[in-house]
Amino acid sequence: MTLAKDYQSVMGRSNEIQKAALGLDYADFETSPIAFDYDALMKATNYTLEEIERIQGLHGVGNTPLLELRNITALARKYAKPGFGARIFVKDEACNASGSFKDRRAACAVAHAKKLGYKGVMAATSGNYGAAVASQAAMQGLKCIIVQECYDSKGVGQPEIVEKARKCEALGAEVVQLTVGPELFYSFLSILEDTGYFNASLYSPFGIAGVETLGYEIAMQCREKLGKDPDMVVCTTAGGGMVTGTARGLIKAGCKADIVAASIDLTGLSMASDVDFNKKSCTTGHTGFGVPYATDPDHSDVPRSAARPLRYMDRYVTTTQGEVMYMTEMLANLEGIERGPAGNTALAAAFSLAQELPEDAILVVSETEYTGAGKHIQPQLAFAKENGIDVRFGNPDEDKPGTNVILPSSPELIKCKEADINRFKKSLVKKAVKKSGVKPTEADLVFLAEEIKENVDYVKAALEAEGLL
């Protein structure tokens, strides 16, 4: 029987396609229209932390260096009050096989696909994860297809995304490039159904479990090198997997560091807008993904996302595109380390946050990533100018996404801004209840409290304010 391949038909088969492509039946974890058993979903991988470390170690992943940024620390202390300016360290994830922390997710997912007998793997991503899946598929002998949102309707591609496509292809993957819009998920599901490949989703429990080793390593390396735990770990956030996995790994190590999420503020630009697509000069780690995925984790490519950042983050801060690009140059010029933009989002925030902490505090930036070609800041800035963006030095407070890129005229102007995490928490609660269409039970209220790292009274107050309780 030939299946209908129109948009509505394919989207209507989403759950059965996903079930066949993941080897997981998400219905097993549902407890109500609102709640599900998150702990049971994570345990369903059936891999211990030690087993994941072994899998990663066999495939060029993990045990990356923890580097102290002494010169950047010294510069931060120049602008801090006396006795302040935490020591800044960075986990050099660019040392992984494909050049980013995403290898940790991919190694686990691809190994599981191979274990289950799938012939190939797929991922829907325009980011580093595509290269990570392609790398691990090549290493573990599976075929690979990456579906990528790459162009606007005029066929103009973002330099950073185009670069990542080249890397995926260099690593042996077939890359399906699409224009911005709803066709991404439809095309992904349709090809997944046709090929019978494994869905190596960013948001499956296998992917998030793979990131737990990162948090665990940070804690253990700090203890070994410094004799103490980190006081703060700063994670770039988009889909929420970095925050979720790193925090879970820190918790498994018994580390109670503050978890700070950092995103580039792209307020005003719609990620689904053809017009806005090429007006952004940084394509990952920004609020266009970070806020929607924090407040509604389950609008991903799996029925229930294992990336649930509000369960773990203590703060959410934002930086600007110009600050991140400036920080990229600072890292290269002061520390001799040339790395890409995603990790430098957290580093830009860390430069500011370190000035809030005493000199004996330890602040760890959770990642670096590879750079090169279209991922470098020069082509990004040239592309911005070609798209009518005003690029100049000045005060980042004058930043307006889609209109300008303001490079700080002095390092002292790099100041991350506090996002309203309470607004995000209330938004998650409201969306979850509205989407369900039912009145929450006491068990649902407990689940929602766990979702936002608050108590049940907080959840009740948020719902009562919206007339939903």
Protein backbone atom coordinates (compact mmCIF):
# COMPACT_ATOMS: atom_id res chain seq x y z
CA MET A 1 0.00 0.00 0.00
CA THR A 2 1.40 3.39 -1.02
CA LEU A 3 1.14 5.97 1.76
CA ALA A 4 -0.10 9.49 1.00
CA LYS A 5 2.78 11.95 1.09
CA ASP A 6 0.92 15.26 1.32
CA TYR A 7 1.73 17.51 4.28
CA GLN A 8 -1.35 16.68 6.37
CA SER A 9 -1.02 12.93 5.87
CA VAL A 10 2.65 12.78 6.82
CA MET A 11 2.20 15.03 9.85
CA GLY A 12 -0.78 12.92 10.90
CA ARG A 13 1.48 9.84 10.98
CA SER A 14 4.12 11.63 13.07
CA ASN A 15 3.74 9.50 16.21
CA GLU A 16 3.93 6.15 14.39
CA ILE A 17 6.90 7.34 12.29
CA GLN A 18 8.69 8.48 15.44
CA LYS A 19 7.95 5.24 17.27
CA ALA A 20 9.50 3.20 14.45
CA ALA A 21 12.48 5.56 14.17
CA LEU A 22 13.41 5.73 17.86
CA GLY A 23 12.69 2.29 19.23
CA LEU A 24 10.75 4.07 21.99
CA ASP A 25 7.02 4.32 22.56
CA TYR A 26 6.52 7.67 24.25
CA ALA A 27 3.00 6.61 25.26
CA ASP A 28 4.65 4.39 27.87
CA PHE A 29 5.75 7.50 29.77
CA GLU A 30 2.56 9.58 29.61
CA THR A 31 0.77 9.93 32.94
CA SER A 32 -1.83 12.56 31.97
CA PRO A 33 -2.53 15.06 29.17
CA ILE A 34 -0.11 17.39 31.02
CA ALA A 35 2.48 15.20 32.73
CA PHE A 36 4.86 12.41 31.85
CA ASP A 37 7.48 10.41 33.74
CA TYR A 38 10.67 12.27 32.85
CA ASP A 39 12.90 10.14 35.06
CA ALA A 40 11.57 6.96 33.45
CA LEU A 41 12.19 8.41 29.96
CA MET A 42 15.81 9.14 30.83
CA LYS A 43 16.29 5.70 32.37
CA ALA A 44 14.86 4.11 29.22
CA THR A 45 18.23 4.56 27.50
CA ASN A 46 19.46 1.67 29.68
CA TYR A 47 22.97 3.18 29.64
CA THR A 48 24.84 4.12 32.79
CA LEU A 49 27.12 7.16 32.88
CA GLU A 50 30.10 4.78 32.81
CA GLU A 51 28.76 2.97 29.73
CA ILE A 52 28.27 6.26 27.91
CA GLU A 53 31.81 7.32 28.82
CA ARG A 54 33.06 4.05 27.33
CA ILE A 55 31.07 4.53 24.10
CA GLN A 56 32.33 8.09 23.74
CA GLY A 57 35.90 7.11 24.51
CA LEU A 58 35.86 4.53 21.71
CA HIS A 59 34.81 7.18 19.20
CA GLY A 60 37.02 10.20 19.80
CA VAL A 61 34.67 11.94 22.21
CA GLY A 62 35.01 13.25 25.76
CA ASN A 63 37.76 13.80 28.30
CA THR A 64 38.40 17.22 26.76
CA PRO A 65 40.78 19.74 28.41
CA LEU A 66 39.68 22.26 31.01
CA LEU A 67 41.63 25.41 30.16
CA GLU A 68 42.17 28.41 32.43
CA LEU A 69 41.77 31.72 30.59
CA ARG A 70 44.32 33.64 32.66
CA ASN A 71 44.58 36.72 30.46
CA ILE A 72 40.83 37.11 30.06
CA THR A 73 40.45 36.66 33.82
CA ALA A 74 43.01 39.41 34.39
CA LEU A 75 41.12 41.72 32.03
CA ALA A 76 37.80 41.02 33.77
CA ARG A 77 39.41 41.86 37.13
CA LYS A 78 40.50 45.22 35.71
CA TYR A 79 36.83 46.21 35.55
CA ALA A 80 35.68 44.47 38.75
CA LYS A 81 35.69 46.01 42.21
CA PRO A 82 38.68 45.10 44.44
CA GLY A 83 38.75 41.44 45.46
CA PHE A 84 36.36 40.41 42.69
CA GLY A 85 36.81 38.70 39.34
CA ALA A 86 36.42 34.90 39.37
CA ARG A 87 38.92 32.65 37.64
CA ILE A 88 37.48 31.81 34.21
CA PHE A 89 37.92 28.32 32.75
CA VAL A 90 36.57 26.84 29.54
CA LYS A 91 35.88 23.21 28.62
CA ASP A 92 37.56 22.85 25.23
CA GLU A 93 34.92 20.78 23.45
CA ALA A 94 36.42 21.68 20.06
CA CYS A 95 38.77 18.75 20.80
CA ASN A 96 35.96 16.27 20.13
CA ALA A 97 35.93 14.35 16.86
CA SER A 98 33.82 16.81 14.83
CA GLY A 99 34.69 19.88 16.87
CA SER A 100 31.84 20.47 19.31
CA PHE A 101 30.10 19.08 22.39
CA LYS A 102 27.39 17.76 20.07
CA ASP A 103 29.64 14.72 19.52
CA ARG A 104 28.66 13.60 23.01
CA ARG A 105 25.01 13.45 21.96
CA ALA A 106 25.73 11.87 18.61
CA ALA A 107 28.07 9.14 19.90
CA CYS A 108 25.40 7.78 22.21
CA ALA A 109 22.55 8.04 19.68
CA VAL A 110 24.49 6.48 16.80
CA ALA A 111 25.82 3.64 18.97
CA HIS A 112 22.27 2.88 20.06
CA ALA A 113 21.05 2.91 16.45
CA LYS A 114 23.77 0.45 15.52
CA LYS A 115 22.93 -1.75 18.50
CA LEU A 116 19.28 -1.90 17.38
CA GLY A 117 20.26 -2.80 13.81
CA TYR A 118 19.35 0.39 11.95
CA LYS A 119 21.22 0.88 8.66
CA GLY A 120 21.41 4.64 8.93
CA VAL A 121 20.70 7.70 11.07
CA MET A 122 19.03 11.04 10.43
CA ALA A 123 18.97 14.40 12.15
CA ALA A 124 17.11 17.65 11.49
CA THR A 125 19.55 20.44 12.28
CA SER A 126 21.30 23.43 10.73
CA GLY A 127 23.91 23.40 13.47
CA ASN A 128 26.97 21.54 14.71
CA TYR A 129 24.90 18.49 15.52
CA GLY A 130 24.70 17.56 11.84
CA ALA A 131 28.49 17.33 11.64
CA ALA A 132 28.56 15.36 14.89
CA VAL A 133 26.04 12.80 13.63
CA ALA A 134 27.82 12.56 10.28
CA SER A 135 31.16 12.02 12.03
CA GLN A 136 29.84 9.34 14.37
CA ALA A 137 27.92 7.59 11.58
CA ALA A 138 31.10 7.39 9.50
CA MET A 139 33.07 6.12 12.49
CA GLN A 140 30.48 3.51 13.43
CA GLY A 141 29.69 2.34 9.88
CA LEU A 142 26.17 3.70 9.37
CA LYS A 143 24.68 5.82 6.60
CA CYS A 144 23.64 9.38 7.42
CA ILE A 145 21.18 12.00 6.17
CA ILE A 146 21.09 15.54 7.57
CA VAL A 147 18.02 17.69 6.86
CA GLN A 148 18.95 21.35 7.13
CA GLU A 149 17.05 24.64 7.07
CA CYS A 150 19.58 26.60 5.05
CA TYR A 151 18.17 29.21 2.67
CA ASP A 152 15.64 31.99 2.36
CA SER A 153 13.16 31.96 -0.53
CA LYS A 154 15.72 33.68 -2.79
CA GLY A 155 18.18 30.85 -2.29
CA VAL A 156 20.53 32.90 -0.13
CA GLY A 157 22.17 30.84 2.60
CA GLN A 158 23.58 31.96 5.93
CA PRO A 159 27.41 31.55 5.81
CA GLU A 160 27.57 29.66 9.09
CA ILE A 161 24.84 27.22 8.04
CA VAL A 162 26.34 26.69 4.58
CA GLU A 163 29.71 25.96 6.22
CA LYS A 164 28.12 23.34 8.44
CA ALA A 165 26.53 21.69 5.40
CA ARG A 166 29.95 21.44 3.76
CA LYS A 167 31.33 19.80 6.88
CA CYS A 168 28.48 17.27 6.99
CA GLU A 169 29.12 16.35 3.37
CA ALA A 170 32.87 16.11 3.95
CA LEU A 171 32.12 13.56 6.68
CA GLY A 172 30.09 11.44 4.27
CA ALA A 173 26.53 12.52 4.98
CA GLU A 174 23.85 13.29 2.45
CA VAL A 175 22.57 16.80 3.17
CA VAL A 176 19.02 17.82 2.25
CA GLN A 177 18.90 21.63 2.22
CA LEU A 178 15.57 23.41 2.62
CA THR A 179 14.25 26.93 2.79
CA VAL A 180 13.04 28.42 6.07
CA GLY A 181 9.51 27.43 7.07
CA PRO A 182 7.30 24.47 8.02
CA GLU A 183 8.73 22.14 5.36
CA LEU A 184 11.65 21.14 7.61
CA PHE A 185 9.79 18.82 9.96
CA TYR A 186 7.53 17.51 7.19
CA SER A 187 10.50 16.67 4.97
CA PHE A 188 12.35 15.11 7.87
CA LEU A 189 9.43 12.84 8.77
CA SER A 190 8.81 11.88 5.16
CA ILE A 191 12.43 10.85 4.55
CA LEU A 192 12.58 9.10 7.93
CA GLU A 193 9.54 7.05 6.92
CA ASP A 194 10.95 6.22 3.48
CA THR A 195 14.41 5.17 4.68
CA GLY A 196 13.58 3.47 7.96
CA TYR A 197 16.57 5.20 9.52
CA PHE A 198 17.03 5.94 13.22
CA ASN A 199 16.01 9.41 14.41
CA ALA A 200 19.21 10.62 16.09
CA SER A 201 17.28 13.54 17.53
CA LEU A 202 18.93 16.27 19.57
CA TYR A 203 16.06 15.88 22.01
CA SER A 204 15.92 12.14 22.60
CA PRO A 205 17.03 10.71 25.97
CA PHE A 206 20.07 9.21 24.22
CA GLY A 207 21.22 12.67 23.13
CA ILE A 208 20.75 14.29 26.53
CA ALA A 209 22.34 11.37 28.40
CA GLY A 210 25.38 11.86 26.18
CA VAL A 211 25.82 15.42 27.49
CA GLU A 212 25.78 14.28 31.12
CA THR A 213 29.42 13.21 30.78
CA LEU A 214 30.31 16.86 30.08
CA GLY A 215 28.94 18.09 33.39
CA TYR A 216 30.47 15.15 35.22
CA GLU A 217 33.90 15.84 33.68
CA ILE A 218 33.72 19.53 34.62
CA ALA A 219 33.15 18.65 38.27
CA MET A 220 35.83 15.96 38.39
CA GLN A 221 38.45 18.05 36.54
CA CYS A 222 37.87 21.03 38.83
CA ARG A 223 38.36 18.81 41.87
CA GLU A 224 41.53 17.30 40.40
CA LYS A 225 43.08 20.58 39.17
CA LEU A 226 41.77 23.02 41.77
CA GLY A 227 40.74 20.96 44.77
CA LYS A 228 37.20 22.35 44.71
CA ASP A 229 33.97 22.41 42.73
CA PRO A 230 33.11 25.21 40.31
CA ASP A 231 30.91 27.93 41.77
CA MET A 232 29.19 28.70 38.49
CA VAL A 233 28.86 26.95 35.12
CA VAL A 234 27.72 29.05 32.16
CA CYS A 235 26.07 27.24 29.24
CA THR A 236 25.06 28.62 25.87
CA THR A 237 21.41 27.71 25.37
CA ALA A 238 19.24 27.24 22.30
CA GLY A 239 17.27 23.98 22.35
CA GLY A 240 18.18 23.42 26.01
CA GLY A 241 20.23 20.22 25.70
CA MET A 242 23.51 21.76 26.85
CA VAL A 243 21.94 23.16 30.03
CA THR A 244 19.97 19.99 30.75
CA GLY A 245 22.73 17.45 30.15
CA THR A 246 25.51 19.47 31.79
CA ALA A 247 23.41 20.13 34.88
CA ARG A 248 22.41 16.48 35.19
CA GLY A 249 26.07 15.46 34.97
CA LEU A 250 27.08 17.98 37.63
CA ILE A 251 24.31 16.66 39.89
CA LYS A 252 25.52 13.07 39.36
CA ALA A 253 28.96 14.25 40.47
CA GLY A 254 27.43 15.79 43.61
CA CYS A 255 28.30 19.31 42.44
CA LYS A 256 25.98 22.20 43.37
CA ALA A 257 27.33 24.91 41.07
CA ASP A 258 24.95 27.62 39.91
CA ILE A 259 23.77 26.90 36.37
CA VAL A 260 23.53 30.00 34.18
CA ALA A 261 22.03 29.82 30.68
CA ALA A 262 23.22 32.38 28.14
CA SER A 263 21.74 33.35 24.77
CA ILE A 264 22.28 36.08 22.22
CA ASP A 265 19.32 38.44 22.39
CA LEU A 266 17.57 38.40 19.00
CA THR A 267 14.30 39.85 20.26
CA GLY A 268 12.20 41.08 17.37
CA LEU A 269 13.44 38.59 14.78
CA SER A 270 11.21 35.63 13.97
CA MET A 271 13.06 32.38 13.33
CA ALA A 272 10.29 31.24 10.96
CA SER A 273 10.35 34.46 8.94
CA ASP A 274 11.75 34.37 5.43
CA VAL A 275 12.50 38.11 5.71
CA ASP A 276 14.31 37.76 9.05
CA PHE A 277 16.24 34.59 8.20
CA ASN A 278 19.39 36.35 6.97
CA LYS A 279 19.12 39.40 9.23
CA LYS A 280 20.70 37.52 12.10
CA SER A 281 24.49 37.30 12.15
CA CYS A 282 24.65 34.43 14.67
CA THR A 283 22.61 31.34 13.87
CA THR A 284 22.76 29.42 17.13
CA GLY A 285 22.62 30.02 20.86
CA HIS A 286 20.10 32.84 20.61
CA THR A 287 16.75 33.70 22.19
CA GLY A 288 14.88 32.81 18.99
CA PHE A 289 15.46 29.19 20.00
CA GLY A 290 16.37 29.54 23.67
CA VAL A 291 13.13 31.11 24.91
CA PRO A 292 10.60 29.01 22.90
CA TYR A 293 12.39 25.76 23.80
CA ALA A 294 12.63 26.73 27.47
CA THR A 295 8.95 27.62 27.74
CA ASP A 296 7.62 24.83 25.50
CA PRO A 297 10.16 21.99 25.30
CA ASP A 298 7.82 19.62 23.49
CA HIS A 299 7.61 21.42 20.15
CA SER A 300 10.70 19.51 18.98
CA ASP A 301 11.10 16.52 16.65
CA VAL A 302 10.14 13.97 19.32
CA PRO A 303 6.85 13.65 21.26
CA ARG A 304 8.51 14.54 24.57
CA SER A 305 11.84 16.37 24.66
CA ALA A 306 14.47 15.15 27.09
CA ALA A 307 15.93 18.69 27.05
CA ARG A 308 14.06 20.54 29.78
CA PRO A 309 16.28 23.48 30.78
CA LEU A 310 13.98 25.24 33.26
CA ARG A 311 14.28 22.17 35.50
CA TYR A 312 17.93 23.04 35.99
CA MET A 313 18.86 26.65 35.27
CA ASP A 314 19.28 29.14 38.11
CA ARG A 315 19.61 32.20 35.86
CA TYR A 316 19.10 33.12 32.23
CA VAL A 317 21.20 35.97 30.84
CA THR A 318 21.54 37.49 27.38
CA THR A 319 24.36 39.01 25.36
CA THR A 320 24.45 40.72 21.96
CA GLN A 321 25.81 39.59 18.60
CA GLY A 322 28.51 42.28 18.75
CA GLU A 323 29.64 41.21 22.22
CA VAL A 324 29.98 37.59 21.09
CA MET A 325 32.00 38.57 18.01
CA TYR A 326 34.22 40.83 20.11
CA MET A 327 34.70 37.98 22.59
CA THR A 328 35.71 35.66 19.75
CA GLU A 329 38.53 38.04 18.84
CA MET A 330 39.47 38.47 22.50
CA LEU A 331 39.80 34.72 22.99
CA ALA A 332 42.06 34.46 19.94
CA ASN A 333 44.19 37.54 20.68
CA LEU A 334 44.59 37.16 24.45
CA GLU A 335 44.59 33.37 24.85
CA GLY A 336 45.76 32.12 21.45
CA ILE A 337 42.62 30.02 21.06
CA GLU A 338 40.53 30.51 17.91
CA ARG A 339 37.09 29.04 18.40
CA GLY A 340 33.61 29.45 16.94
CA PRO A 341 30.67 31.61 18.00
CA ALA A 342 28.43 29.24 20.00
CA GLY A 343 30.70 28.71 23.00
CA ASN A 344 31.71 32.35 22.90
CA THR A 345 28.12 33.31 23.69
CA ALA A 346 28.59 31.78 27.15
CA LEU A 347 32.10 33.25 27.33
CA ALA A 348 30.81 36.79 26.68
CA ALA A 349 28.33 36.31 29.52
CA ALA A 350 31.05 34.78 31.72
CA PHE A 351 33.33 37.81 31.25
CA SER A 352 30.58 39.93 32.79
CA LEU A 353 29.45 37.40 35.41
CA ALA A 354 33.01 36.81 36.66
CA GLN A 355 33.09 40.43 37.81
CA GLU A 356 30.20 39.68 40.21
CA LEU A 357 32.11 36.86 41.94
CA PRO A 358 35.07 36.98 44.35
CA GLU A 359 38.59 36.28 43.06
CA ASP A 360 38.73 32.80 44.60
CA ALA A 361 35.53 31.69 42.84
CA ILE A 362 35.68 29.29 39.89
CA LEU A 363 33.58 29.99 36.81
CA VAL A 364 33.49 27.41 34.00
CA VAL A 365 32.24 28.01 30.46
CA SER A 366 30.91 24.64 29.39
CA GLU A 367 32.07 24.57 25.76
CA THR A 368 34.13 25.74 22.86
CA GLU A 369 33.47 24.74 19.23
CA TYR A 370 35.47 24.58 16.03
CA THR A 371 35.62 27.57 13.69
CA GLY A 372 36.49 28.13 10.05
CA ALA A 373 35.18 29.37 6.70
CA GLY A 374 31.60 30.64 7.08
CA LYS A 375 31.57 30.13 10.85
CA HIS A 376 34.25 32.80 11.33
CA ILE A 377 33.24 36.32 12.36
CA GLN A 378 34.71 37.98 9.23
CA PRO A 379 32.30 36.34 6.76
CA GLN A 380 29.47 36.82 9.25
CA LEU A 381 30.13 40.56 9.46
CA ALA A 382 30.61 40.85 5.70
CA PHE A 383 27.30 39.02 5.20
CA ALA A 384 25.60 41.37 7.67
CA LYS A 385 26.81 44.42 5.72
CA GLU A 386 25.58 42.86 2.45
CA ASN A 387 22.15 42.54 4.06
CA GLY A 388 22.03 46.20 5.07
CA ILE A 389 23.03 45.70 8.69
CA ASP A 390 24.91 48.62 10.26
CA VAL A 391 28.17 47.24 11.70
CA ARG A 392 30.11 49.61 13.97
CA PHE A 393 31.86 50.06 17.29
CA GLY A 394 29.88 51.59 20.12
CA ASN A 395 27.81 50.71 23.18
CA PRO A 396 26.08 47.28 23.02
CA ASP A 397 23.06 48.92 24.68
CA GLU A 398 22.37 50.42 21.25
CA ASP A 399 22.06 46.93 19.74
CA LYS A 400 18.93 46.29 17.66
CA PRO A 401 18.73 42.80 16.11
CA GLY A 402 18.14 42.92 12.37
CA THR A 403 19.23 46.55 12.18
CA ASN A 404 22.77 46.72 13.54
CA VAL A 405 25.68 44.82 15.07
CA ILE A 406 27.40 46.91 17.72
CA LEU A 407 30.94 45.80 18.58
CA PRO A 408 31.88 47.09 22.06
CA SER A 409 34.24 50.06 21.90
CA SER A 410 35.76 48.87 25.20
CA PRO A 411 35.74 45.54 27.11
CA GLU A 412 34.13 47.27 30.09
CA LEU A 413 30.95 47.66 28.00
CA ILE A 414 30.45 43.87 27.83
CA LYS A 415 27.59 43.45 30.29
CA CYS A 416 25.18 40.54 30.10
CA LYS A 417 21.56 41.32 30.91
CA GLU A 418 19.29 39.36 33.21
CA ALA A 419 16.35 37.74 31.46
CA ASP A 420 13.12 37.35 33.41
CA ILE A 421 13.29 33.67 34.25
CA ASN A 422 10.11 33.91 36.32
CA ARG A 423 8.22 35.04 33.23
CA PHE A 424 9.54 32.00 31.37
CA LYS A 425 8.50 29.68 34.18
CA LYS A 426 4.97 31.09 34.28
CA SER A 427 4.81 30.85 30.49
CA LEU A 428 5.72 27.14 30.57
CA VAL A 429 3.04 26.40 33.15
CA LYS A 430 0.38 28.33 31.24
CA LYS A 431 1.26 26.75 27.88
CA ALA A 432 1.30 23.23 29.30
CA VAL A 433 -2.17 23.55 30.81
CA LYS A 434 -3.71 25.34 27.82
CA LYS A 435 -2.28 22.77 25.39
CA SER A 436 -3.71 19.89 27.44
CA GLY A 437 -7.25 21.29 27.52
CA VAL A 438 -7.85 19.80 30.99
CA LYS A 439 -7.85 21.04 34.56
CA PRO A 440 -4.57 20.01 36.24
CA THR A 441 -4.66 17.41 39.00
CA GLU A 442 -2.49 17.51 42.09
CA ALA A 443 -0.05 15.15 40.36
CA ASP A 444 0.06 17.53 37.39
CA LEU A 445 0.87 20.43 39.70
CA VAL A 446 3.78 18.48 41.19
CA PHE A 447 5.04 17.70 37.67
CA LEU A 448 4.83 21.36 36.63
CA ALA A 449 6.66 22.43 39.78
CA GLU A 450 9.49 20.02 38.88
CA GLU A 451 9.47 21.39 35.31
CA ILE A 452 10.33 24.90 36.53
CA LYS A 453 12.38 24.18 39.66
CA GLU A 454 9.75 25.71 41.95
CA ASN A 455 7.14 24.54 44.47
CA VAL A 456 3.47 23.70 43.95
CA ASP A 457 2.29 26.99 45.51
CA TYR A 458 4.26 28.88 42.83
CA VAL A 459 2.52 26.86 40.11
CA LYS A 460 -0.92 27.39 41.63
CA ALA A 461 -0.38 31.15 41.84
CA ALA A 462 0.75 31.28 38.21
CA LEU A 463 -2.31 29.34 37.03
CA GLU A 464 -4.76 31.28 39.22
CA ALA A 465 -3.44 34.54 37.74
CA GLU A 466 -4.44 33.22 34.30
CA GLY A 467 -7.78 31.77 35.43
CA LEU A 468 -6.55 28.24 34.65
CA LEU A 469 -7.07 26.65 38.07
